[in-house]
PDB file of N, CA and C in Angstrom:
ATOM      1  N   MET A   1      -7.275 -27.209-123.516  1.00  0.00           N
ATOM      2  CA  MET A   1      -7.436 -27.151-122.097  1.00  0.00           C
ATOM      3  C   MET A   1      -8.387 -26.029-121.756  1.00  0.00           C
ATOM      4  N   GLU A   2      -8.953 -26.126-120.591  1.00  0.00           N
ATOM      5  CA  GLU A   2      -9.937 -25.137-120.154  1.00  0.00           C
ATOM      6  C   GLU A   2      -9.567 -24.652-118.753  1.00  0.00           C
ATOM      7  N   PHE A   3      -9.561 -23.344-118.588  1.00  0.00           N
ATOM      8  CA  PHE A   3      -9.303 -22.737-117.292  1.00  0.00           C
ATOM      9  C   PHE A   3     -10.618 -22.185-116.763  1.00  0.00           C
ATOM     10  N   VAL A   4     -11.064 -22.699-115.629  1.00  0.00           N
ATOM     11  CA  VAL A   4     -12.320 -22.265-115.021  1.00  0.00           C
ATOM     12  C   VAL A   4     -11.967 -21.385-113.833  1.00  0.00           C
ATOM     13  N   THR A   5     -12.355 -20.116-113.890  1.00  0.00           N
ATOM     14  CA  THR A   5     -11.961 -19.194-112.826  1.00  0.00           C
ATOM     15  C   THR A   5     -13.136 -18.759-111.952  1.00  0.00           C
ATOM     16  N   HIS A   6     -14.303 -19.362-112.162  1.00  0.00           N
ATOM     17  CA  HIS A   6     -15.466 -19.011-111.344  1.00  0.00           C
ATOM     18  C   HIS A   6     -16.448 -20.180-111.326  1.00  0.00           C
ATOM     19  N   ASP A   7     -17.407 -20.093-110.428  1.00  0.00           N
ATOM     20  CA  ASP A   7     -18.452 -21.111-110.406  1.00  0.00           C
ATOM     21  C   ASP A   7     -19.820 -20.448-110.606  1.00  0.00           C
ATOM     22  N   ILE A   8     -20.843 -21.269-110.741  1.00  0.00           N
ATOM     23  CA  ILE A   8     -22.206 -20.742-110.903  1.00  0.00           C
ATOM     24  C   ILE A   8     -23.120 -21.270-109.804  1.00  0.00           C
ATOM     25  N   PHE A   9     -22.553 -21.800-108.735  1.00  0.00           N
ATOM     26  CA  PHE A   9     -23.350 -22.386-107.661  1.00  0.00           C
ATOM     27  C   PHE A   9     -24.254 -21.377-106.970  1.00  0.00           C
ATOM     28  N   TYR A  10     -23.883 -20.117-107.057  1.00  0.00           N
ATOM     29  CA  TYR A  10     -24.654 -19.115-106.344  1.00  0.00           C
ATOM     30  C   TYR A  10     -26.111 -19.100-106.778  1.00  0.00           C
ATOM     31  N   HIS A  11     -26.401 -19.462-108.028  1.00  0.00           N
ATOM     32  CA  HIS A  11     -27.797 -19.517-108.486  1.00  0.00           C
ATOM     33  C   HIS A  11     -28.594 -20.500-107.641  1.00  0.00           C
ATOM     34  N   ALA A  12     -28.057 -21.715-107.508  1.00  0.00           N
ATOM     35  CA  ALA A  12     -28.746 -22.749-106.729  1.00  0.00           C
ATOM     36  C   ALA A  12     -28.789 -22.381-105.253  1.00  0.00           C
ATOM     37  N   LEU A  13     -27.706 -21.819-104.729  1.00  0.00           N
ATOM     38  CA  LEU A  13     -27.659 -21.445-103.317  1.00  0.00           C
ATOM     39  C   LEU A  13     -28.682 -20.359-103.003  1.00  0.00           C
ATOM     40  N   ASN A  14     -28.830 -19.400-103.915  1.00  0.00           N
ATOM     41  CA  ASN A  14     -29.816 -18.339-103.698  1.00  0.00           C
ATOM     42  C   ASN A  14     -31.235 -18.899-103.685  1.00  0.00           C
ATOM     43  N   GLN A  15     -31.491 -19.934-104.476  1.00  0.00           N
ATOM     44  CA  GLN A  15     -32.824 -20.543-104.512  1.00  0.00           C
ATOM     45  C   GLN A  15     -33.104 -21.354-103.253  1.00  0.00           C
ATOM     46  N   THR A  16     -32.107 -22.125-102.823  1.00  0.00           N
ATOM     47  CA  THR A  16     -32.315 -23.078-101.731  1.00  0.00           C
ATOM     48  C   THR A  16     -32.040 -22.490-100.353  1.00  0.00           C
ATOM     49  N   TYR A  17     -31.067 -21.611-100.254  1.00  0.00           N
ATOM     50  CA  TYR A  17     -30.625 -21.112 -98.942  1.00  0.00           C
ATOM     51  C   TYR A  17     -30.750 -19.594 -98.828  1.00  0.00           C
ATOM     52  N   SER A  18     -31.746 -19.009 -99.432  1.00  0.00           N
ATOM     53  CA  SER A  18     -31.890 -17.553 -99.436  1.00  0.00           C
ATOM     54  C   SER A  18     -32.037 -16.978 -98.036  1.00  0.00           C
ATOM     55  N   GLU A  19     -32.518 -17.799 -97.088  1.00  0.00           N
ATOM     56  CA  GLU A  19     -32.670 -17.302 -95.708  1.00  0.00           C
ATOM     57  C   GLU A  19     -31.312 -17.034 -95.054  1.00  0.00           C
ATOM     58  N   LEU A  20     -30.227 -17.585 -95.612  1.00  0.00           N
ATOM     59  CA  LEU A  20     -28.897 -17.358 -95.067  1.00  0.00           C
ATOM     60  C   LEU A  20     -28.283 -16.047 -95.555  1.00  0.00           C
ATOM     61  N   GLY A  21     -28.839 -15.504 -96.608  1.00  0.00           N
ATOM     62  CA  GLY A  21     -28.306 -14.276 -97.181  1.00  0.00           C
ATOM     63  C   GLY A  21     -28.204 -14.391 -98.692  1.00  0.00           C
ATOM     64  N   LYS A  22     -27.578 -13.397 -99.304  1.00  0.00           N
ATOM     65  CA  LYS A  22     -27.430 -13.380-100.761  1.00  0.00           C
ATOM     66  C   LYS A  22     -26.080 -13.972-101.146  1.00  0.00           C
ATOM     67  N   PHE A  23     -26.110 -14.888-102.105  1.00  0.00           N
ATOM     68  CA  PHE A  23     -24.884 -15.522-102.587  1.00  0.00           C
ATOM     69  C   PHE A  23     -24.448 -14.887-103.906  1.00  0.00           C
ATOM     70  N   TYR A  24     -23.137 -14.822-104.112  1.00  0.00           N
ATOM     71  CA  TYR A  24     -22.560 -14.231-105.311  1.00  0.00           C
ATOM     72  C   TYR A  24     -21.596 -15.228-105.948  1.00  0.00           C
ATOM     73  N   PRO A  25     -21.249 -15.019-107.223  1.00  0.00           N
ATOM     74  CA  PRO A  25     -20.298 -15.946-107.863  1.00  0.00           C
ATOM     75  C   PRO A  25     -18.967 -15.969-107.121  1.00  0.00           C
ATOM     76  N   HIS A  26     -18.342 -17.112-107.126  1.00  0.00           N
ATOM     77  CA  HIS A  26     -17.015 -17.278-106.526  1.00  0.00           C
ATOM     78  C   HIS A  26     -15.988 -17.196-107.646  1.00  0.00           C
ATOM     79  N   PHE A  27     -15.076 -16.249-107.552  1.00  0.00           N
ATOM     80  CA  PHE A  27     -13.995 -16.099-108.519  1.00  0.00           C
ATOM     81  C   PHE A  27     -12.682 -16.398-107.831  1.00  0.00           C
ATOM     82  N   ASP A  28     -11.750 -17.014-108.560  1.00  0.00           N
ATOM     83  CA  ASP A  28     -10.418 -17.246-108.010  1.00  0.00           C
ATOM     84  C   ASP A  28      -9.435 -17.363-109.169  1.00  0.00           C
ATOM     85  N   THR A  29      -8.172 -17.205-108.866  1.00  0.00           N
ATOM     86  CA  THR A  29      -7.127 -17.279-109.884  1.00  0.00           C
ATOM     87  C   THR A  29      -6.611 -18.702-110.029  1.00  0.00           C
ATOM     88  N   ILE A  30      -5.904 -18.930-111.095  1.00  0.00           N
ATOM     89  CA  ILE A  30      -5.188 -20.184-111.337  1.00  0.00           C
ATOM     90  C   ILE A  30      -3.726 -19.797-111.520  1.00  0.00           C
ATOM     91  N   THR A  31      -2.843 -20.493-110.815  1.00  0.00           N
ATOM     92  CA  THR A  31      -1.412 -20.199-110.918  1.00  0.00           C
ATOM     93  C   THR A  31      -0.710 -21.387-111.565  1.00  0.00           C
ATOM     94  N   ILE A  32       0.013 -21.102-112.633  1.00  0.00           N
ATOM     95  CA  ILE A  32       0.792 -22.133-113.317  1.00  0.00           C
ATOM     96  C   ILE A  32       2.249 -21.702-113.252  1.00  0.00           C
ATOM     97  N   GLU A  33       3.040 -22.487-112.520  1.00  0.00           N
ATOM     98  CA  GLU A  33       4.446 -22.143-112.350  1.00  0.00           C
ATOM     99  C   GLU A  33       5.253 -22.558-113.582  1.00  0.00           C
ATOM    100  N   ASP A  34       6.554 -22.347-113.556  1.00  0.00           N
ATOM    101  CA  ASP A  34       7.429 -22.570-114.704  1.00  0.00           C
ATOM    102  C   ASP A  34       7.526 -24.042-115.096  1.00  0.00           C
ATOM    103  N   ASN A  35       7.751 -24.264-116.381  1.00  0.00           N
ATOM    104  CA  ASN A  35       8.035 -25.586-116.958  1.00  0.00           C
ATOM    105  C   ASN A  35       6.940 -26.611-116.695  1.00  0.00           C
ATOM    106  N   VAL A  36       5.705 -26.190-116.817  1.00  0.00           N
ATOM    107  CA  VAL A  36       4.548 -27.064-116.620  1.00  0.00           C
ATOM    108  C   VAL A  36       4.043 -27.518-117.978  1.00  0.00           C
ATOM    109  N   CYS A  37       3.609 -28.765-118.054  1.00  0.00           N
ATOM    110  CA  CYS A  37       3.006 -29.300-119.276  1.00  0.00           C
ATOM    111  C   CYS A  37       1.576 -29.718-118.946  1.00  0.00           C
ATOM    112  N   ILE A  38       0.609 -29.158-119.672  1.00  0.00           N
ATOM    113  CA  ILE A  38      -0.799 -29.481-119.442  1.00  0.00           C
ATOM    114  C   ILE A  38      -1.340 -30.144-120.701  1.00  0.00           C
ATOM    115  N   GLY A  39      -1.797 -31.390-120.561  1.00  0.00           N
ATOM    116  CA  GLY A  39      -2.319 -32.153-121.688  1.00  0.00           C
ATOM    117  C   GLY A  39      -3.644 -31.607-122.186  1.00  0.00           C
ATOM    118  N   GLY A  40      -3.931 -31.905-123.435  1.00  0.00           N
ATOM    119  CA  GLY A  40      -5.159 -31.453-124.068  1.00  0.00           C
ATOM    120  C   GLY A  40      -6.405 -31.949-123.355  1.00  0.00           C
ATOM    121  N   PHE A  41      -7.463 -31.168-123.474  1.00  0.00           N
ATOM    122  CA  PHE A  41      -8.777 -31.491-122.922  1.00  0.00           C
ATOM    123  C   PHE A  41      -8.782 -31.539-121.398  1.00  0.00           C
ATOM    124  N   SER A  42      -7.774 -30.949-120.761  1.00  0.00           N
ATOM    125  CA  SER A  42      -7.747 -30.865-119.309  1.00  0.00           C
ATOM    126  C   SER A  42      -8.562 -29.662-118.864  1.00  0.00           C
ATOM    127  N   LYS A  43      -9.048 -29.744-117.643  1.00  0.00           N
ATOM    128  CA  LYS A  43      -9.814 -28.642-117.060  1.00  0.00           C
ATOM    129  C   LYS A  43      -9.166 -28.297-115.720  1.00  0.00           C
ATOM    130  N   ILE A  44      -8.808 -27.025-115.561  1.00  0.00           N
ATOM    131  CA  ILE A  44      -8.176 -26.544-114.345  1.00  0.00           C
ATOM    132  C   ILE A  44      -9.194 -25.665-113.618  1.00  0.00           C
ATOM    133  N   MET A  45      -9.502 -26.025-112.380  1.00  0.00           N
ATOM    134  CA  MET A  45     -10.548 -25.349-111.624  1.00  0.00           C
ATOM    135  C   MET A  45     -10.001 -24.152-110.843  1.00  0.00           C
ATOM    136  N   PRO A  46     -10.899 -23.270-110.343  1.00  0.00           N
ATOM    137  CA  PRO A  46     -10.471 -22.041-109.658  1.00  0.00           C
ATOM    138  C   PRO A  46      -9.630 -22.317-108.417  1.00  0.00           C
ATOM    139  N   GLY A  47      -8.642 -21.456-108.199  1.00  0.00           N
ATOM    140  CA  GLY A  47      -7.837 -21.506-106.986  1.00  0.00           C
ATOM    141  C   GLY A  47      -6.688 -22.482-107.006  1.00  0.00           C
ATOM    142  N   VAL A  48      -6.519 -23.209-108.103  1.00  0.00           N
ATOM    143  CA  VAL A  48      -5.491 -24.246-108.182  1.00  0.00           C
ATOM    144  C   VAL A  48      -4.125 -23.634-108.490  1.00  0.00           C
ATOM    145  N   VAL A  49      -3.088 -24.211-107.871  1.00  0.00           N
ATOM    146  CA  VAL A  49      -1.694 -23.874-108.179  1.00  0.00           C
ATOM    147  C   VAL A  49      -1.052 -25.134-108.751  1.00  0.00           C
ATOM    148  N   ILE A  50      -0.496 -25.020-109.948  1.00  0.00           N
ATOM    149  CA  ILE A  50       0.220 -26.143-110.556  1.00  0.00           C
ATOM    150  C   ILE A  50       1.706 -25.854-110.402  1.00  0.00           C
ATOM    151  N   GLY A  51       2.373 -26.695-109.601  1.00  0.00           N
ATOM    152  CA  GLY A  51       3.755 -26.472-109.221  1.00  0.00           C
ATOM    153  C   GLY A  51       4.746 -26.624-110.355  1.00  0.00           C
ATOM    154  N   GLU A  52       5.902 -26.033-110.162  1.00  0.00           N
ATOM    155  CA  GLU A  52       6.978 -26.038-111.144  1.00  0.00           C
ATOM    156  C   GLU A  52       7.299 -27.462-111.617  1.00  0.00           C
ATOM    157  N   GLY A  53       7.430 -27.616-112.931  1.00  0.00           N
ATOM    158  CA  GLY A  53       7.844 -28.888-113.512  1.00  0.00           C
ATOM    159  C   GLY A  53       6.781 -29.971-113.501  1.00  0.00           C
ATOM    160  N   ALA A  54       5.557 -29.638-113.161  1.00  0.00           N
ATOM    161  CA  ALA A  54       4.492 -30.642-113.096  1.00  0.00           C
ATOM    162  C   ALA A  54       3.973 -30.971-114.493  1.00  0.00           C
ATOM    163  N   ILE A  55       3.348 -32.145-114.590  1.00  0.00           N
ATOM    164  CA  ILE A  55       2.704 -32.583-115.828  1.00  0.00           C
ATOM    165  C   ILE A  55       1.266 -32.950-115.490  1.00  0.00           C
ATOM    166  N   VAL A  56       0.320 -32.420-116.263  1.00  0.00           N
ATOM    167  CA  VAL A  56      -1.086 -32.759-116.117  1.00  0.00           C
ATOM    168  C   VAL A  56      -1.470 -33.608-117.325  1.00  0.00           C
ATOM    169  N   ALA A  57      -1.882 -34.844-117.072  1.00  0.00           N
ATOM    170  CA  ALA A  57      -2.252 -35.753-118.156  1.00  0.00           C
ATOM    171  C   ALA A  57      -3.488 -35.225-118.878  1.00  0.00           C
ATOM    172  N   GLY A  58      -3.560 -35.491-120.166  1.00  0.00           N
ATOM    173  CA  GLY A  58      -4.687 -35.053-120.972  1.00  0.00           C
ATOM    174  C   GLY A  58      -6.005 -35.552-120.409  1.00  0.00           C
ATOM    175  N   GLY A  59      -7.023 -34.694-120.473  1.00  0.00           N
ATOM    176  CA  GLY A  59      -8.356 -35.057-120.021  1.00  0.00           C
ATOM    177  C   GLY A  59      -8.556 -34.997-118.520  1.00  0.00           C
ATOM    178  N   SER A  60      -7.578 -34.528-117.789  1.00  0.00           N
ATOM    179  CA  SER A  60      -7.687 -34.480-116.329  1.00  0.00           C
ATOM    180  C   SER A  60      -8.524 -33.287-115.877  1.00  0.00           C
ATOM    181  N   VAL A  61      -9.132 -33.437-114.703  1.00  0.00           N
ATOM    182  CA  VAL A  61      -9.837 -32.330-114.059  1.00  0.00           C
ATOM    183  C   VAL A  61      -9.093 -32.035-112.769  1.00  0.00           C
ATOM    184  N   VAL A  62      -8.400 -30.896-112.755  1.00  0.00           N
ATOM    185  CA  VAL A  62      -7.542 -30.539-111.631  1.00  0.00           C
ATOM    186  C   VAL A  62      -8.341 -29.671-110.663  1.00  0.00           C
ATOM    187  N   THR A  63      -8.623 -30.233-109.478  1.00  0.00           N
ATOM    188  CA  THR A  63      -9.436 -29.545-108.486  1.00  0.00           C
ATOM    189  C   THR A  63      -8.621 -29.100-107.273  1.00  0.00           C
ATOM    190  N   LYS A  64      -7.398 -29.612-107.133  1.00  0.00           N
ATOM    191  CA  LYS A  64      -6.535 -29.276-105.993  1.00  0.00           C
ATOM    192  C   LYS A  64      -5.143 -28.940-106.492  1.00  0.00           C
ATOM    193  N   ASP A  65      -4.361 -28.292-105.653  1.00  0.00           N
ATOM    194  CA  ASP A  65      -2.997 -27.920-106.017  1.00  0.00           C
ATOM    195  C   ASP A  65      -2.192 -29.147-106.436  1.00  0.00           C
ATOM    196  N   VAL A  66      -1.315 -28.934-107.420  1.00  0.00           N
ATOM    197  CA  VAL A  66      -0.429 -29.987-107.924  1.00  0.00           C
ATOM    198  C   VAL A  66       0.968 -29.700-107.387  1.00  0.00           C
ATOM    199  N   PRO A  67       1.567 -30.657-106.662  1.00  0.00           N
ATOM    200  CA  PRO A  67       2.906 -30.422-106.106  1.00  0.00           C
ATOM    201  C   PRO A  67       3.963 -30.243-107.197  1.00  0.00           C
ATOM    202  N   LYS A  68       5.021 -29.548-106.846  1.00  0.00           N
ATOM    203  CA  LYS A  68       6.167 -29.370-107.731  1.00  0.00           C
ATOM    204  C   LYS A  68       6.660 -30.748-108.195  1.00  0.00           C
ATOM    205  N   GLY A  69       6.834 -30.908-109.507  1.00  0.00           N
ATOM    206  CA  GLY A  69       7.399 -32.137-110.059  1.00  0.00           C
ATOM    207  C   GLY A  69       6.461 -33.325-110.109  1.00  0.00           C
ATOM    208  N   ALA A  70       5.191 -33.125-109.836  1.00  0.00           N
ATOM    209  CA  ALA A  70       4.238 -34.240-109.850  1.00  0.00           C
ATOM    210  C   ALA A  70       3.671 -34.451-111.250  1.00  0.00           C
ATOM    211  N   ILE A  71       3.282 -35.683-111.522  1.00  0.00           N
ATOM    212  CA  ILE A  71       2.495 -36.011-112.710  1.00  0.00           C
ATOM    213  C   ILE A  71       1.117 -36.386-112.181  1.00  0.00           C
ATOM    214  N   VAL A  72       0.083 -35.676-112.646  1.00  0.00           N
ATOM    215  CA  VAL A  72      -1.270 -35.944-112.176  1.00  0.00           C
ATOM    216  C   VAL A  72      -2.159 -36.349-113.344  1.00  0.00           C
ATOM    217  N   GLY A  73      -3.181 -37.129-113.038  1.00  0.00           N
ATOM    218  CA  GLY A  73      -4.125 -37.523-114.060  1.00  0.00           C
ATOM    219  C   GLY A  73      -5.419 -37.993-113.433  1.00  0.00           C
ATOM    220  N   GLY A  74      -6.481 -37.962-114.222  1.00  0.00           N
ATOM    221  CA  GLY A  74      -7.770 -38.475-113.782  1.00  0.00           C
ATOM    222  C   GLY A  74      -8.771 -37.387-113.476  1.00  0.00           C
ATOM    223  N   ASN A  75      -9.935 -37.844-112.993  1.00  0.00           N
ATOM    224  CA  ASN A  75     -11.032 -36.944-112.634  1.00  0.00           C
ATOM    225  C   ASN A  75     -11.637 -37.422-111.322  1.00  0.00           C
ATOM    226  N   PRO A  76     -11.292 -36.766-110.220  1.00  0.00           N
ATOM    227  CA  PRO A  76     -10.380 -35.632-110.110  1.00  0.00           C
ATOM    228  C   PRO A  76      -8.925 -36.083-110.233  1.00  0.00           C
ATOM    229  N   ALA A  77      -8.080 -35.172-110.640  1.00  0.00           N
ATOM    230  CA  ALA A  77      -6.666 -35.499-110.845  1.00  0.00           C
ATOM    231  C   ALA A  77      -5.994 -35.887-109.531  1.00  0.00           C
ATOM    232  N   LYS A  78      -5.211 -36.955-109.597  1.00  0.00           N
ATOM    233  CA  LYS A  78      -4.427 -37.430-108.458  1.00  0.00           C
ATOM    234  C   LYS A  78      -2.990 -37.652-108.922  1.00  0.00           C
ATOM    235  N   VAL A  79      -2.056 -37.640-107.990  1.00  0.00           N
ATOM    236  CA  VAL A  79      -0.654 -37.877-108.337  1.00  0.00           C
ATOM    237  C   VAL A  79      -0.507 -39.316-108.814  1.00  0.00           C
ATOM    238  N   ILE A  80       0.031 -39.472-110.030  1.00  0.00           N
ATOM    239  CA  ILE A  80       0.249 -40.803-110.604  1.00  0.00           C
ATOM    240  C   ILE A  80       1.735 -41.066-110.862  1.00  0.00           C
ATOM    241  N   GLY A  81       2.569 -40.087-110.592  1.00  0.00           N
ATOM    242  CA  GLY A  81       4.010 -40.252-110.790  1.00  0.00           C
ATOM    243  C   GLY A  81       4.723 -38.941-110.547  1.00  0.00           C
ATOM    244  N   TRP A  82       6.023 -38.975-110.847  1.00  0.00           N
ATOM    245  CA  TRP A  82       6.878 -37.812-110.613  1.00  0.00           C
ATOM    246  C   TRP A  82       7.743 -37.586-111.840  1.00  0.00           C
ATOM    247  N   THR A  83       7.942 -36.324-112.197  1.00  0.00           N
ATOM    248  CA  THR A  83       8.688 -35.999-113.412  1.00  0.00           C
ATOM    249  C   THR A  83      10.137 -36.469-113.333  1.00  0.00           C
ATOM    250  N   GLU A  84      10.729 -36.484-112.151  1.00  0.00           N
ATOM    251  CA  GLU A  84      12.112 -36.965-112.028  1.00  0.00           C
ATOM    252  C   GLU A  84      12.198 -38.450-112.402  1.00  0.00           C
ATOM    253  N   GLU A  85      11.230 -39.238-111.964  1.00  0.00           N
ATOM    254  CA  GLU A  85      11.205 -40.660-112.327  1.00  0.00           C
ATOM    255  C   GLU A  85      11.028 -40.826-113.837  1.00  0.00           C
ATOM    256  N   LEU A  86      10.140 -40.018-114.422  1.00  0.00           N
ATOM    257  CA  LEU A  86       9.931 -40.064-115.868  1.00  0.00           C
ATOM    258  C   LEU A  86      11.213 -39.712-116.601  1.00  0.00           C
ATOM    259  N   ALA A  87      11.906 -38.686-116.140  1.00  0.00           N
ATOM    260  CA  ALA A  87      13.158 -38.273-116.779  1.00  0.00           C
ATOM    261  C   ALA A  87      14.194 -39.396-116.731  1.00  0.00           C
ATOM    262  N   LYS A  88      14.293 -40.076-115.592  1.00  0.00           N
ATOM    263  CA  LYS A  88      15.258 -41.178-115.466  1.00  0.00           C
ATOM    264  C   LYS A  88      14.896 -42.333-116.392  1.00  0.00           C
ATOM    265  N   ARG A  89      13.600 -42.650-116.502  1.00  0.00           N
ATOM    266  CA  ARG A  89      13.174 -43.730-117.426  1.00  0.00           C
ATOM    267  C   ARG A  89      13.481 -43.361-118.871  1.00  0.00           C
ATOM    268  N   ARG A  90      13.211 -42.118-119.226  1.00  0.00           N
ATOM    269  CA  ARG A  90      13.461 -41.692-120.612  1.00  0.00           C
ATOM    270  C   ARG A  90      14.945 -41.728-120.945  1.00  0.00           C
ATOM    271  N   ILE A  91      15.794 -41.286-120.026  1.00  0.00           N
ATOM    272  CA  ILE A  91      17.238 -41.333-120.258  1.00  0.00           C
ATOM    273  C   ILE A  91      17.691 -42.778-120.414  1.00  0.00           C
ATOM    274  N   ALA A  92      17.157 -43.683-119.590  1.00  0.00           N
ATOM    275  CA  ALA A  92      17.541 -45.100-119.638  1.00  0.00           C
ATOM    276  C   ALA A  92      17.149 -45.757-120.953  1.00  0.00           C
ATOM    277  N   GLU A  93      16.148 -45.208-121.650  1.00  0.00           N
ATOM    278  CA  GLU A  93      15.755 -45.765-122.946  1.00  0.00           C
ATOM    279  C   GLU A  93      16.861 -45.597-123.982  1.00  0.00           C
ATOM    280  N   ASN A  94      17.739 -44.618-123.766  1.00  0.00           N
ATOM    281  CA  ASN A  94      18.877 -44.381-124.638  1.00  0.00           C
ATOM    282  C   ASN A  94      18.472 -44.223-126.105  1.00  0.00           C
ATOM    283  N   ARG A  95      17.409 -43.498-126.330  1.00  0.00           N
ATOM    284  CA  ARG A  95      16.937 -43.262-127.699  1.00  0.00           C
ATOM    285  C   ARG A  95      17.738 -42.153-128.360  1.00  0.00           C
ATOM    286  N   ILE A  96      17.757 -42.208-129.669  1.00  0.00           N
ATOM    287  CA  ILE A  96      18.393 -41.142-130.446  1.00  0.00           C
ATOM    288  C   ILE A  96      17.553 -39.880-130.295  1.00  0.00           C
ATOM    289  N   ASN A  97      18.201 -38.751-130.135  1.00  0.00           N
ATOM    290  CA  ASN A  97      17.486 -37.482-130.013  1.00  0.00           C
ATOM    291  C   ASN A  97      17.315 -36.852-131.384  1.00  0.00           C
ATOM    292  N   TYR A  98      16.091 -36.871-131.866  1.00  0.00           N
ATOM    293  CA  TYR A  98      15.781 -36.241-133.144  1.00  0.00           C
ATOM    294  C   TYR A  98      15.163 -34.877-132.906  1.00  0.00           C
ATOM    295  N   THR A  99      15.406 -33.993-133.856  1.00  0.00           N
ATOM    296  CA  THR A  99      14.789 -32.670-133.825  1.00  0.00           C
ATOM    297  C   THR A  99      14.131 -32.435-135.170  1.00  0.00           C
ATOM    298  N   VAL A 100      13.431 -31.333-135.301  1.00  0.00           N
ATOM    299  CA  VAL A 100      12.759 -31.017-136.561  1.00  0.00           C
ATOM    300  C   VAL A 100      13.735 -30.833-137.706  1.00  0.00           C
ATOM    301  N   SER A 101      14.990 -30.604-137.395  1.00  0.00           N
ATOM    302  CA  SER A 101      15.965 -30.418-138.467  1.00  0.00           C
ATOM    303  C   SER A 101      16.446 -31.747-139.059  1.00  0.00           C
ATOM    304  N   ASN A 102      16.133 -32.876-138.399  1.00  0.00           N
ATOM    305  CA  ASN A 102      16.512 -34.165-138.957  1.00  0.00           C
ATOM    306  C   ASN A 102      15.647 -34.498-140.167  1.00  0.00           C
ATOM    307  N   ASP A 103      16.181 -35.318-141.029  1.00  0.00           N
ATOM    308  CA  ASP A 103      15.449 -35.764-142.195  1.00  0.00           C
ATOM    309  C   ASP A 103      14.248 -36.615-141.769  1.00  0.00           C
ATOM    310  N   VAL A 104      13.084 -36.321-142.297  1.00  0.00           N
ATOM    311  CA  VAL A 104      11.852 -37.025-141.935  1.00  0.00           C
ATOM    312  C   VAL A 104      11.990 -38.524-142.184  1.00  0.00           C
ATOM    313  N   GLU A 105      12.580 -38.900-143.291  1.00  0.00           N
ATOM    314  CA  GLU A 105      12.734 -40.331-143.594  1.00  0.00           C
ATOM    315  C   GLU A 105      13.593 -41.036-142.550  1.00  0.00           C
ATOM    316  N   GLU A 106      14.641 -40.371-142.069  1.00  0.00           N
ATOM    317  CA  GLU A 106      15.516 -40.948-141.052  1.00  0.00           C
ATOM    318  C   GLU A 106      14.741 -41.186-139.746  1.00  0.00           C
ATOM    319  N   VAL A 107      13.928 -40.221-139.359  1.00  0.00           N
ATOM    320  CA  VAL A 107      13.132 -40.334-138.139  1.00  0.00           C
ATOM    321  C   VAL A 107      12.102 -41.453-138.285  1.00  0.00           C
ATOM    322  N   GLU A 108      11.388 -41.477-139.410  1.00  0.00           N
ATOM    323  CA  GLU A 108      10.379 -42.525-139.633  1.00  0.00           C
ATOM    324  C   GLU A 108      10.998 -43.913-139.610  1.00  0.00           C
ATOM    325  N   LYS A 109      12.149 -44.057-140.234  1.00  0.00           N
ATOM    326  CA  LYS A 109      12.831 -45.352-140.262  1.00  0.00           C
ATOM    327  C   LYS A 109      13.157 -45.810-138.835  1.00  0.00           C
ATOM    328  N   TYR A 110      13.677 -44.925-138.048  1.00  0.00           N
ATOM    329  CA  TYR A 110      14.032 -45.249-136.662  1.00  0.00           C
ATOM    330  C   TYR A 110      12.809 -45.752-135.891  1.00  0.00           C
ATOM    331  N   TYR A 111      11.700 -45.012-135.963  1.00  0.00           N
ATOM    332  CA  TYR A 111      10.518 -45.396-135.197  1.00  0.00           C
ATOM    333  C   TYR A 111       9.833 -46.642-135.762  1.00  0.00           C
ATOM    334  N   TRP A 112       9.872 -46.854-137.056  1.00  0.00           N
ATOM    335  CA  TRP A 112       9.313 -48.093-137.610  1.00  0.00           C
ATOM    336  C   TRP A 112      10.103 -49.307-137.122  1.00  0.00           C
ATOM    337  N   GLU A 113      11.413 -49.139-136.974  1.00  0.00           N
ATOM    338  CA  GLU A 113      12.232 -50.243-136.442  1.00  0.00           C
ATOM    339  C   GLU A 113      11.818 -50.573-135.009  1.00  0.00           C
ATOM    340  N   ILE A 114      11.586 -49.559-134.200  1.00  0.00           N
ATOM    341  CA  ILE A 114      11.153 -49.780-132.812  1.00  0.00           C
ATOM    342  C   ILE A 114       9.788 -50.459-132.796  1.00  0.00           C
ATOM    343  N   LEU A 115       8.862 -49.968-133.594  1.00  0.00           N
ATOM    344  CA  LEU A 115       7.523 -50.574-133.635  1.00  0.00           C
ATOM    345  C   LEU A 115       7.586 -52.012-134.088  1.00  0.00           C
ATOM    346  N   SER A 116       8.417 -52.282-135.074  1.00  0.00           N
ATOM    347  CA  SER A 116       8.548 -53.656-135.570  1.00  0.00           C
ATOM    348  C   SER A 116       9.076 -54.577-134.475  1.00  0.00           C
ATOM    349  N   ARG A 117      10.079 -54.125-133.748  1.00  0.00           N
ATOM    350  CA  ARG A 117      10.635 -54.947-132.668  1.00  0.00           C
ATOM    351  C   ARG A 117       9.598 -55.168-131.557  1.00  0.00           C
ATOM    352  N   ASN A 118       8.888 -54.113-131.170  1.00  0.00           N
ATOM    353  CA  ASN A 118       7.942 -54.206-130.074  1.00  0.00           C
ATOM    354  C   ASN A 118       6.695 -55.008-130.420  1.00  0.00           C
ATOM    355  N   ASN A 119       6.342 -55.038-131.683  1.00  0.00           N
ATOM    356  CA  ASN A 119       5.124 -55.742-132.094  1.00  0.00           C
ATOM    357  C   ASN A 119       5.432 -57.013-132.888  1.00  0.00           C
ATOM    358  N   ASN A 120       6.696 -57.388-132.926  1.00  0.00           N
ATOM    359  CA  ASN A 120       7.122 -58.594-133.663  1.00  0.00           C
ATOM    360  C   ASN A 120       6.610 -58.592-135.094  1.00  0.00           C
ATOM    361  N   LEU A 121       6.717 -57.455-135.762  1.00  0.00           N
ATOM    362  CA  LEU A 121       6.255 -57.338-137.155  1.00  0.00           C
ATOM    363  C   LEU A 121       7.307 -57.853-138.128  1.00  0.00           C
TER     364      LEU A 121
END
């Protein structure tokens, strides 16, 4: 992921609009609240606040604040769902909860069975 905390527009503005005055780089902070998940290759732009419990889909470009509990994706990122809905869907799947302490063969067997059923293998 990439955090962008400034812009470079001032170069172009100084060339084109110098009669208005001198332009300087724009700097701003990025705020990421608790329990946020940001997917790989995402870009977070200056001044953005990502609300508690939000999920940013991989490859997204976040240009505006992300509401608490939202799932955002795209370029520019838009709300595509809500973490509470995702949590309810995941619970309804009733999958076995594996952790790193489980035997690798046991985990692989479980997921191969699911893939076989879903793909009619």
